C-alpha atoms as a PDB file:
ATOM      1  CA  MET A   1      55.841  56.002 -43.595  1.00  0.00           C
ATOM      2  CA  LYS A   2      57.174  57.116 -40.215  1.00  0.00           C
ATOM      3  CA  LYS A   3      60.312  55.021 -40.710  1.00  0.00           C
ATOM      4  CA  ILE A   4      60.823  56.518 -44.163  1.00  0.00           C
ATOM      5  CA  ALA A   5      60.482  60.041 -42.741  1.00  0.00           C
ATOM      6  CA  ILE A   6      63.014  59.279 -40.033  1.00  0.00           C
ATOM      7  CA  LEU A   7      65.459  57.878 -42.582  1.00  0.00           C
ATOM      8  CA  PHE A   8      64.892  60.910 -44.810  1.00  0.00           C
ATOM      9  CA  CYS A   9      65.595  63.278 -41.930  1.00  0.00           C
ATOM     10  CA  ALA A  10      68.720  61.386 -40.939  1.00  0.00           C
ATOM     11  CA  GLY A  11      69.944  61.400 -44.528  1.00  0.00           C
ATOM     12  CA  LEU A  12      69.282  65.112 -44.938  1.00  0.00           C
ATOM     13  CA  ILE A  13      71.110  65.930 -41.720  1.00  0.00           C
ATOM     14  CA  ALA A  14      74.072  63.757 -42.695  1.00  0.00           C
ATOM     15  CA  TYR A  15      74.179  65.372 -46.152  1.00  0.00           C
ATOM     16  CA  SER A  16      74.020  68.826 -44.602  1.00  0.00           C
ATOM     17  CA  CYS A  17      76.976  68.433 -42.262  1.00  0.00           C
ATOM     18  CA  ALA A  18      79.922  70.800 -42.555  1.00  0.00           C
ATOM     19  CA  LYS A  19      83.084  71.366 -40.558  1.00  0.00           C
ATOM     20  CA  VAL A  20      83.926  74.399 -38.462  1.00  0.00           C
ATOM     21  CA  PRO A  21      86.944  76.159 -39.991  1.00  0.00           C
ATOM     22  CA  LEU A  22      90.133  75.761 -37.951  1.00  0.00           C
ATOM     23  CA  THR A  23      88.653  73.437 -35.286  1.00  0.00           C
ATOM     24  CA  GLY A  24      87.317  70.734 -37.615  1.00  0.00           C
ATOM     25  CA  ARG A  25      84.195  70.105 -35.525  1.00  0.00           C
ATOM     26  CA  ASN A  26      81.220  68.722 -37.465  1.00  0.00           C
ATOM     27  CA  GLN A  27      78.243  71.081 -37.571  1.00  0.00           C
ATOM     28  CA  LEU A  28      74.757  71.056 -39.066  1.00  0.00           C
ATOM     29  CA  ALA A  29      74.415  73.372 -42.061  1.00  0.00           C
ATOM     30  CA  LEU A  30      70.867  73.287 -43.419  1.00  0.00           C
ATOM     31  CA  VAL A  31      71.107  77.034 -44.000  1.00  0.00           C
ATOM     32  CA  SER A  32      74.161  79.043 -45.010  1.00  0.00           C
ATOM     33  CA  ASN A  33      75.431  82.449 -43.965  1.00  0.00           C
ATOM     34  CA  GLU A  34      74.624  83.679 -47.462  1.00  0.00           C
ATOM     35  CA  GLU A  35      70.980  82.669 -47.061  1.00  0.00           C
ATOM     36  CA  ILE A  36      70.509  84.500 -43.769  1.00  0.00           C
ATOM     37  CA  GLN A  37      72.637  87.539 -44.659  1.00  0.00           C
ATOM     38  CA  PRO A  38      69.654  89.632 -45.844  1.00  0.00           C
ATOM     39  CA  MET A  39      68.017  89.135 -42.425  1.00  0.00           C
ATOM     40  CA  VAL A  40      71.345  89.962 -40.772  1.00  0.00           C
ATOM     41  CA  ASN A  41      71.694  93.251 -42.637  1.00  0.00           C
ATOM     42  CA  GLU A  42      68.083  94.217 -41.939  1.00  0.00           C
ATOM     43  CA  GLN A  43      68.340  93.386 -38.245  1.00  0.00           C
ATOM     44  CA  TYR A  44      71.691  95.170 -37.805  1.00  0.00           C
ATOM     45  CA  ASP A  45      70.411  98.312 -39.513  1.00  0.00           C
ATOM     46  CA  GLN A  46      67.308  98.200 -37.310  1.00  0.00           C
ATOM     47  CA  VAL A  47      69.434  97.978 -34.162  1.00  0.00           C
ATOM     48  CA  LEU A  48      71.508 100.976 -35.267  1.00  0.00           C
ATOM     49  CA  LYS A  49      68.306 102.979 -35.839  1.00  0.00           C
ATOM     50  CA  GLU A  50      66.742 102.041 -32.506  1.00  0.00           C
ATOM     51  CA  GLU A  51      69.838 102.315 -30.304  1.00  0.00           C
ATOM     52  CA  LYS A  52      72.079 105.313 -29.667  1.00  0.00           C
ATOM     53  CA  VAL A  53      75.321 104.804 -31.587  1.00  0.00           C
ATOM     54  CA  VAL A  54      78.320 106.355 -29.807  1.00  0.00           C
ATOM     55  CA  THR A  55      81.139 105.200 -32.045  1.00  0.00           C
ATOM     56  CA  ASN A  56      82.409 108.798 -32.262  1.00  0.00           C
ATOM     57  CA  THR A  57      83.407 108.748 -28.572  1.00  0.00           C
ATOM     58  CA  ALA A  58      86.836 107.753 -27.217  1.00  0.00           C
ATOM     59  CA  ASP A  59      85.532 104.295 -26.289  1.00  0.00           C
ATOM     60  CA  GLY A  60      83.778 104.024 -29.616  1.00  0.00           C
ATOM     61  CA  GLN A  61      87.009 104.723 -31.457  1.00  0.00           C
ATOM     62  CA  LYS A  62      88.759 102.042 -29.399  1.00  0.00           C
ATOM     63  CA  VAL A  63      86.129  99.519 -30.465  1.00  0.00           C
ATOM     64  CA  LEU A  64      86.541 100.604 -34.079  1.00  0.00           C
ATOM     65  CA  ASN A  65      90.355 100.475 -33.981  1.00  0.00           C
ATOM     66  CA  VAL A  66      90.489  97.076 -32.297  1.00  0.00           C
ATOM     67  CA  GLY A  67      87.847  95.745 -34.661  1.00  0.00           C
ATOM     68  CA  LYS A  68      89.760  96.801 -37.771  1.00  0.00           C
ATOM     69  CA  ARG A  69      93.002  95.359 -36.419  1.00  0.00           C
ATOM     70  CA  MET A  70      91.332  92.087 -35.472  1.00  0.00           C
ATOM     71  CA  ALA A  71      89.509  91.825 -38.802  1.00  0.00           C
ATOM     72  CA  GLU A  72      92.723  92.269 -40.784  1.00  0.00           C
ATOM     73  CA  ALA A  73      94.498  89.650 -38.689  1.00  0.00           C
ATOM     74  CA  VAL A  74      91.638  87.156 -38.979  1.00  0.00           C
ATOM     75  CA  GLU A  75      91.351  87.582 -42.744  1.00  0.00           C
ATOM     76  CA  SER A  76      95.120  87.132 -43.190  1.00  0.00           C
ATOM     77  CA  TYR A  77      95.115  84.048 -40.985  1.00  0.00           C
ATOM     78  CA  LEU A  78      92.122  82.471 -42.737  1.00  0.00           C
ATOM     79  CA  THR A  79      93.735  83.077 -46.125  1.00  0.00           C
ATOM     80  CA  ALA A  80      96.993  81.511 -44.951  1.00  0.00           C
ATOM     81  CA  GLN A  81      95.042  78.467 -43.728  1.00  0.00           C
ATOM     82  CA  GLY A  82      93.345  78.005 -47.096  1.00  0.00           C
ATOM     83  CA  TYR A  83      89.984  79.629 -46.271  1.00  0.00           C
ATOM     84  CA  THR A  84      90.232  82.402 -48.861  1.00  0.00           C
ATOM     85  CA  ASP A  85      86.519  82.451 -49.719  1.00  0.00           C
ATOM     86  CA  LEU A  86      85.594  82.741 -46.053  1.00  0.00           C
ATOM     87  CA  ALA A  87      88.174  85.488 -45.515  1.00  0.00           C
ATOM     88  CA  ASN A  88      86.677  87.483 -48.397  1.00  0.00           C
ATOM     89  CA  SER A  89      83.067  86.988 -47.268  1.00  0.00           C
ATOM     90  CA  PHE A  90      83.072  89.557 -44.460  1.00  0.00           C
ATOM     91  CA  ASP A  91      81.721  93.093 -44.703  1.00  0.00           C
ATOM     92  CA  TRP A  92      82.851  94.327 -41.302  1.00  0.00           C
ATOM     93  CA  GLU A  93      81.024  96.933 -39.236  1.00  0.00           C
ATOM     94  CA  PHE A  94      81.901  97.902 -35.658  1.00  0.00           C
ATOM     95  CA  ASN A  95      79.676 100.078 -33.489  1.00  0.00           C
ATOM     96  CA  LEU A  96      79.461 100.985 -29.819  1.00  0.00           C
ATOM     97  CA  LEU A  97      75.892 101.399 -28.545  1.00  0.00           C
ATOM     98  CA  GLN A  98      74.764 103.304 -25.462  1.00  0.00           C
ATOM     99  CA  SER A  99      73.344 100.762 -23.039  1.00  0.00           C
ATOM    100  CA  ASP A 100      73.957  99.422 -19.544  1.00  0.00           C
ATOM    101  CA  GLN A 101      74.014  95.903 -20.954  1.00  0.00           C
ATOM    102  CA  VAL A 102      77.276  94.088 -20.231  1.00  0.00           C
ATOM    103  CA  ASN A 103      77.266  92.540 -23.666  1.00  0.00           C
ATOM    104  CA  ALA A 104      78.578  92.437 -27.233  1.00  0.00           C
ATOM    105  CA  TRP A 105      77.752  90.372 -30.298  1.00  0.00           C
ATOM    106  CA  CYS A 106      78.737  89.682 -33.893  1.00  0.00           C
ATOM    107  CA  MET A 107      76.291  88.676 -36.604  1.00  0.00           C
ATOM    108  CA  PRO A 108      77.263  86.716 -39.735  1.00  0.00           C
ATOM    109  CA  GLY A 109      79.223  88.811 -42.187  1.00  0.00           C
ATOM    110  CA  GLY A 110      81.055  90.652 -39.417  1.00  0.00           C
ATOM    111  CA  LYS A 111      78.328  92.949 -38.084  1.00  0.00           C
ATOM    112  CA  VAL A 112      79.611  93.771 -34.582  1.00  0.00           C
ATOM    113  CA  ALA A 113      78.026  95.690 -31.707  1.00  0.00           C
ATOM    114  CA  PHE A 114      79.471  96.487 -28.293  1.00  0.00           C
ATOM    115  CA  TYR A 115      77.429  98.006 -25.463  1.00  0.00           C
ATOM    116  CA  THR A 116      78.877 100.716 -23.238  1.00  0.00           C
ATOM    117  CA  GLY A 117      78.029  98.596 -20.197  1.00  0.00           C
ATOM    118  CA  ILE A 118      80.859  96.192 -20.997  1.00  0.00           C
ATOM    119  CA  MET A 119      83.530  98.842 -21.524  1.00  0.00           C
ATOM    120  CA  PRO A 120      84.558  99.347 -17.848  1.00  0.00           C
ATOM    121  CA  LEU A 121      85.310  95.627 -17.621  1.00  0.00           C
ATOM    122  CA  THR A 122      87.529  95.646 -20.715  1.00  0.00           C
ATOM    123  CA  GLN A 123      89.944  98.166 -19.129  1.00  0.00           C
ATOM    124  CA  GLY A 124      91.495  99.129 -22.462  1.00  0.00           C
ATOM    125  CA  GLU A 125      92.067  97.867 -25.965  1.00  0.00           C
ATOM    126  CA  THR A 126      93.473  94.463 -25.002  1.00  0.00           C
ATOM    127  CA  GLY A 127      90.331  93.745 -22.997  1.00  0.00           C
ATOM    128  CA  ILE A 128      88.241  94.872 -25.964  1.00  0.00           C
ATOM    129  CA  ALA A 129      90.258  92.438 -28.107  1.00  0.00           C
ATOM    130  CA  VAL A 130      89.315  89.592 -25.755  1.00  0.00           C
ATOM    131  CA  VAL A 131      85.632  90.270 -26.349  1.00  0.00           C
ATOM    132  CA  MET A 132      86.120  91.135 -30.024  1.00  0.00           C
ATOM    133  CA  GLY A 133      88.033  87.936 -30.742  1.00  0.00           C
ATOM    134  CA  HIS A 134      85.312  85.877 -29.123  1.00  0.00           C
ATOM    135  CA  GLU A 135      82.491  87.581 -31.013  1.00  0.00           C
ATOM    136  CA  ILE A 136      84.294  87.452 -34.363  1.00  0.00           C
ATOM    137  CA  ALA A 137      84.914  83.761 -33.771  1.00  0.00           C
ATOM    138  CA  HIS A 138      81.143  83.171 -33.739  1.00  0.00           C
ATOM    139  CA  ALA A 139      80.982  84.569 -37.286  1.00  0.00           C
ATOM    140  CA  VAL A 140      84.044  82.681 -38.520  1.00  0.00           C
ATOM    141  CA  ALA A 141      82.672  79.402 -37.160  1.00  0.00           C
ATOM    142  CA  SER A 142      79.205  80.017 -38.690  1.00  0.00           C
ATOM    143  CA  HIS A 143      77.600  79.480 -35.292  1.00  0.00           C
ATOM    144  CA  SER A 144      74.521  81.498 -36.201  1.00  0.00           C
ATOM    145  CA  ALA A 145      73.769  79.397 -39.279  1.00  0.00           C
ATOM    146  CA  GLU A 146      74.336  76.229 -37.249  1.00  0.00           C
ATOM    147  CA  ARG A 147      72.050  77.422 -34.456  1.00  0.00           C
ATOM    148  CA  MET A 148      69.412  78.378 -36.981  1.00  0.00           C
ATOM    149  CA  SER A 149      69.677  74.968 -38.668  1.00  0.00           C
ATOM    150  CA  ASN A 150      69.095  73.216 -35.355  1.00  0.00           C
ATOM    151  CA  GLY A 151      66.376  75.682 -34.375  1.00  0.00           C
ATOM    152  CA  MET A 152      64.479  75.163 -37.602  1.00  0.00           C
ATOM    153  CA  ILE A 153      64.504  71.395 -37.141  1.00  0.00           C
ATOM    154  CA  ALA A 154      63.356  71.731 -33.531  1.00  0.00           C
ATOM    155  CA  ASN A 155      60.611  74.267 -34.234  1.00  0.00           C
ATOM    156  CA  LEU A 156      59.487  73.634 -37.795  1.00  0.00           C
ATOM    157  CA  GLY A 157      60.469  70.106 -38.767  1.00  0.00           C
ATOM    158  CA  VAL A 158      62.547  69.025 -41.727  1.00  0.00           C
ATOM    159  CA  SER A 159      59.559  68.746 -44.061  1.00  0.00           C
ATOM    160  CA  VAL A 160      58.978  72.479 -44.150  1.00  0.00           C
ATOM    161  CA  LEU A 161      62.557  73.762 -44.061  1.00  0.00           C
ATOM    162  CA  SER A 162      62.576  74.703 -47.724  1.00  0.00           C
ATOM    163  CA  THR A 163      59.505  76.941 -47.381  1.00  0.00           C
ATOM    164  CA  ALA A 164      59.878  78.055 -43.759  1.00  0.00           C
ATOM    165  CA  ILE A 165      60.790  81.648 -44.472  1.00  0.00           C
ATOM    166  CA  GLY A 166      57.855  82.193 -46.803  1.00  0.00           C
ATOM    167  CA  GLN A 167      55.200  80.332 -44.806  1.00  0.00           C
ATOM    168  CA  ASN A 168      56.167  81.097 -41.199  1.00  0.00           C
ATOM    169  CA  PRO A 169      58.140  84.361 -41.136  1.00  0.00           C
ATOM    170  CA  THR A 170      57.394  85.126 -37.480  1.00  0.00           C
ATOM    171  CA  MET A 171      58.804  81.869 -36.153  1.00  0.00           C
ATOM    172  CA  THR A 172      61.710  82.057 -38.597  1.00  0.00           C
ATOM    173  CA  GLN A 173      62.528  85.543 -37.311  1.00  0.00           C
ATOM    174  CA  GLN A 174      62.456  84.279 -33.723  1.00  0.00           C
ATOM    175  CA  ILE A 175      64.799  81.432 -34.601  1.00  0.00           C
ATOM    176  CA  PHE A 176      67.082  83.883 -36.392  1.00  0.00           C
ATOM    177  CA  LEU A 177      67.261  86.195 -33.380  1.00  0.00           C
ATOM    178  CA  GLN A 178      68.131  83.237 -31.177  1.00  0.00           C
ATOM    179  CA  SER A 179      70.751  82.097 -33.652  1.00  0.00           C
ATOM    180  CA  VAL A 180      72.644  85.395 -33.502  1.00  0.00           C
ATOM    181  CA  GLY A 181      72.558  85.515 -29.714  1.00  0.00           C
ATOM    182  CA  MET A 182      69.674  87.970 -29.352  1.00  0.00           C
ATOM    183  CA  GLY A 183      67.303  85.440 -27.753  1.00  0.00           C
ATOM    184  CA  SER A 184      67.426  82.159 -25.884  1.00  0.00           C
ATOM    185  CA  GLU A 185      65.515  78.941 -25.336  1.00  0.00           C
ATOM    186  CA  LEU A 186      66.270  76.379 -22.641  1.00  0.00           C
ATOM    187  CA  GLY A 187      66.301  73.588 -25.218  1.00  0.00           C
ATOM    188  CA  MET A 188      69.265  75.184 -26.991  1.00  0.00           C
ATOM    189  CA  LEU A 189      71.355  76.023 -23.924  1.00  0.00           C
ATOM    190  CA  SER A 190      73.766  73.102 -24.063  1.00  0.00           C
ATOM    191  CA  PHE A 191      74.302  73.810 -27.740  1.00  0.00           C
ATOM    192  CA  SER A 192      75.007  77.467 -27.010  1.00  0.00           C
ATOM    193  CA  ARG A 193      77.548  76.697 -24.316  1.00  0.00           C
ATOM    194  CA  LYS A 194      79.448  74.517 -26.776  1.00  0.00           C
ATOM    195  CA  HIS A 195      79.590  77.451 -29.176  1.00  0.00           C
ATOM    196  CA  GLU A 196      80.702  79.843 -26.469  1.00  0.00           C
ATOM    197  CA  LEU A 197      83.668  77.682 -25.481  1.00  0.00           C
ATOM    198  CA  GLU A 198      84.619  77.134 -29.122  1.00  0.00           C
ATOM    199  CA  ALA A 199      84.487  80.899 -29.696  1.00  0.00           C
ATOM    200  CA  ASP A 200      86.655  81.437 -26.612  1.00  0.00           C
ATOM    201  CA  GLU A 201      89.313  79.105 -28.037  1.00  0.00           C
ATOM    202  CA  LEU A 202      89.262  80.662 -31.510  1.00  0.00           C
ATOM    203  CA  GLY A 203      89.080  84.180 -30.096  1.00  0.00           C
ATOM    204  CA  LEU A 204      92.184  83.569 -28.017  1.00  0.00           C
ATOM    205  CA  THR A 205      94.071  82.672 -31.197  1.00  0.00           C
ATOM    206  CA  PHE A 206      92.659  85.615 -33.138  1.00  0.00           C
ATOM    207  CA  MET A 207      93.645  88.223 -30.551  1.00  0.00           C
ATOM    208  CA  ALA A 208      97.130  86.739 -30.283  1.00  0.00           C
ATOM    209  CA  ILE A 209      97.608  86.883 -34.064  1.00  0.00           C
ATOM    210  CA  ALA A 210      96.482  90.530 -33.996  1.00  0.00           C
ATOM    211  CA  GLY A 211      99.212  91.282 -31.449  1.00  0.00           C
ATOM    212  CA  TYR A 212      97.123  91.447 -28.284  1.00  0.00           C
ATOM    213  CA  ASP A 213      98.383  89.550 -25.235  1.00  0.00           C
ATOM    214  CA  PRO A 214      96.087  86.507 -24.837  1.00  0.00           C
ATOM    215  CA  ARG A 215      96.948  86.318 -21.134  1.00  0.00           C
ATOM    216  CA  GLU A 216      94.470  89.157 -20.688  1.00  0.00           C
ATOM    217  CA  ALA A 217      91.576  86.824 -21.583  1.00  0.00           C
ATOM    218  CA  PRO A 218      91.315  84.922 -18.284  1.00  0.00           C
ATOM    219  CA  LEU A 219      91.884  88.194 -16.421  1.00  0.00           C
ATOM    220  CA  PHE A 220      88.907  89.714 -18.232  1.00  0.00           C
ATOM    221  CA  TRP A 221      86.724  86.760 -17.241  1.00  0.00           C
ATOM    222  CA  GLU A 222      87.919  87.049 -13.664  1.00  0.00           C
ATOM    223  CA  ARG A 223      86.573  90.598 -13.718  1.00  0.00           C
ATOM    224  CA  MET A 224      83.328  89.320 -15.209  1.00  0.00           C
ATOM    225  CA  LEU A 225      83.143  86.730 -12.437  1.00  0.00           C
ATOM    226  CA  ALA A 226      83.632  89.416  -9.798  1.00  0.00           C
ATOM    227  CA  ASN A 227      81.025  91.596 -11.527  1.00  0.00           C
ATOM    228  CA  GLU A 228      78.441  88.831 -11.198  1.00  0.00           C
ATOM    229  CA  ASN A 229      78.453  89.276  -7.400  1.00  0.00           C
ATOM    230  CA  GLY A 230      77.282  85.724  -6.975  1.00  0.00           C
ATOM    231  CA  GLN A 231      74.108  86.448  -8.957  1.00  0.00           C
ATOM    232  CA  ALA A 232      74.860  84.339 -12.038  1.00  0.00           C
ATOM    233  CA  PRO A 233      72.333  81.542 -12.658  1.00  0.00           C
ATOM    234  CA  PRO A 234      73.442  77.897 -12.403  1.00  0.00           C
ATOM    235  CA  GLU A 235      75.459  76.895 -15.450  1.00  0.00           C
ATOM    236  CA  PHE A 236      72.820  74.429 -16.691  1.00  0.00           C
ATOM    237  CA  LEU A 237      70.304  77.313 -16.826  1.00  0.00           C
ATOM    238  CA  SER A 238      72.625  79.767 -18.560  1.00  0.00           C
ATOM    239  CA  THR A 239      73.147  80.329 -22.263  1.00  0.00           C
ATOM    240  CA  HIS A 240      76.820  80.912 -21.454  1.00  0.00           C
ATOM    241  CA  PRO A 241      79.339  78.775 -19.587  1.00  0.00           C
ATOM    242  CA  ALA A 242      80.113  79.762 -16.009  1.00  0.00           C
ATOM    243  CA  SER A 243      82.895  82.351 -15.913  1.00  0.00           C
ATOM    244  CA  GLN A 244      85.149  79.992 -13.956  1.00  0.00           C
ATOM    245  CA  THR A 245      84.647  77.320 -16.628  1.00  0.00           C
ATOM    246  CA  ARG A 246      85.746  79.798 -19.269  1.00  0.00           C
ATOM    247  CA  ILE A 247      88.791  80.819 -17.241  1.00  0.00           C
ATOM    248  CA  ASP A 248      89.868  77.193 -16.857  1.00  0.00           C
ATOM    249  CA  LYS A 249      89.403  76.453 -20.563  1.00  0.00           C
ATOM    250  CA  LEU A 250      91.258  79.606 -21.636  1.00  0.00           C
ATOM    251  CA  ASN A 251      94.225  78.737 -19.451  1.00  0.00           C
ATOM    252  CA  LYS A 252      94.234  75.262 -20.987  1.00  0.00           C
ATOM    253  CA  HIS A 253      94.666  76.771 -24.484  1.00  0.00           C
ATOM    254  CA  MET A 254      97.031  79.569 -23.439  1.00  0.00           C
ATOM    255  CA  SER A 255     100.332  77.945 -24.415  1.00  0.00           C
ATOM    256  CA  GLU A 256      99.167  77.483 -28.015  1.00  0.00           C
ATOM    257  CA  ALA A 257      97.901  81.069 -28.241  1.00  0.00           C
ATOM    258  CA  MET A 258     101.182  82.397 -26.858  1.00  0.00           C
ATOM    259  CA  LYS A 259     103.012  80.827 -29.805  1.00  0.00           C
ATOM    260  CA  TYR A 260     101.091  83.141 -32.108  1.00  0.00           C
ATOM    261  CA  TYR A 261     101.572  86.138 -29.850  1.00  0.00           C
ATOM    262  CA  GLU A 262     105.315  85.593 -29.527  1.00  0.00           C
ATOM    263  CA  GLY A 263     105.694  84.769 -33.202  1.00  0.00           C
ATOM    264  CA  ASP A 264     106.907  81.195 -32.769  1.00  0.00           C
END
């Protein structure tokens, strides 16, 4: 019986594999963005009710303007690459929230939030585009659905995946929050770092297509590195790659991004 269960799990996982658009990486897809979208909308609306939205400020308008420009570029690029359904699946929202957090995130469907704490490090719209491209890339690559798929296997087991939401809503909600970057577990850290670096690569392309100089990306992360003041945790205990790792990887992909920026 145990062997049969193992074979069943392996078969289900193999059947549920998908590929990340644009990069071609295989990913687990036991749940889809469409399935978790109701939770996304509920959680995003809750955040907007609980936090102070300051989108009507000068910085807030910058976030909104960059977001719209990036969204249009990403949708056009996805359509040109044959991902029309994905391009049409987004219902974009961009909001700046009052908080000292040096953070931003994007939920599936294009629900974006920036915190005022990150704005001084962006130093203008190009810096905002660095962060925006990265966060949008998480949505394009369906990272949240992939994280949730892995989280459900780790926490619930394959046998109850089909009824998890109805029978264990609390745990499912916790897994969902982790999957959209609003929580963390040490067991998922390596997985998260892989997503972060993939989002960096895609984000670099997205900002370049939108007409923002991708050479600003490593400069932004240099500022983030300086802002850490040596207080960042060791990389193996962080949900994000070390800033220097990101800088090195971004520079590695820079020549390709510059082709888009320069129109080659």
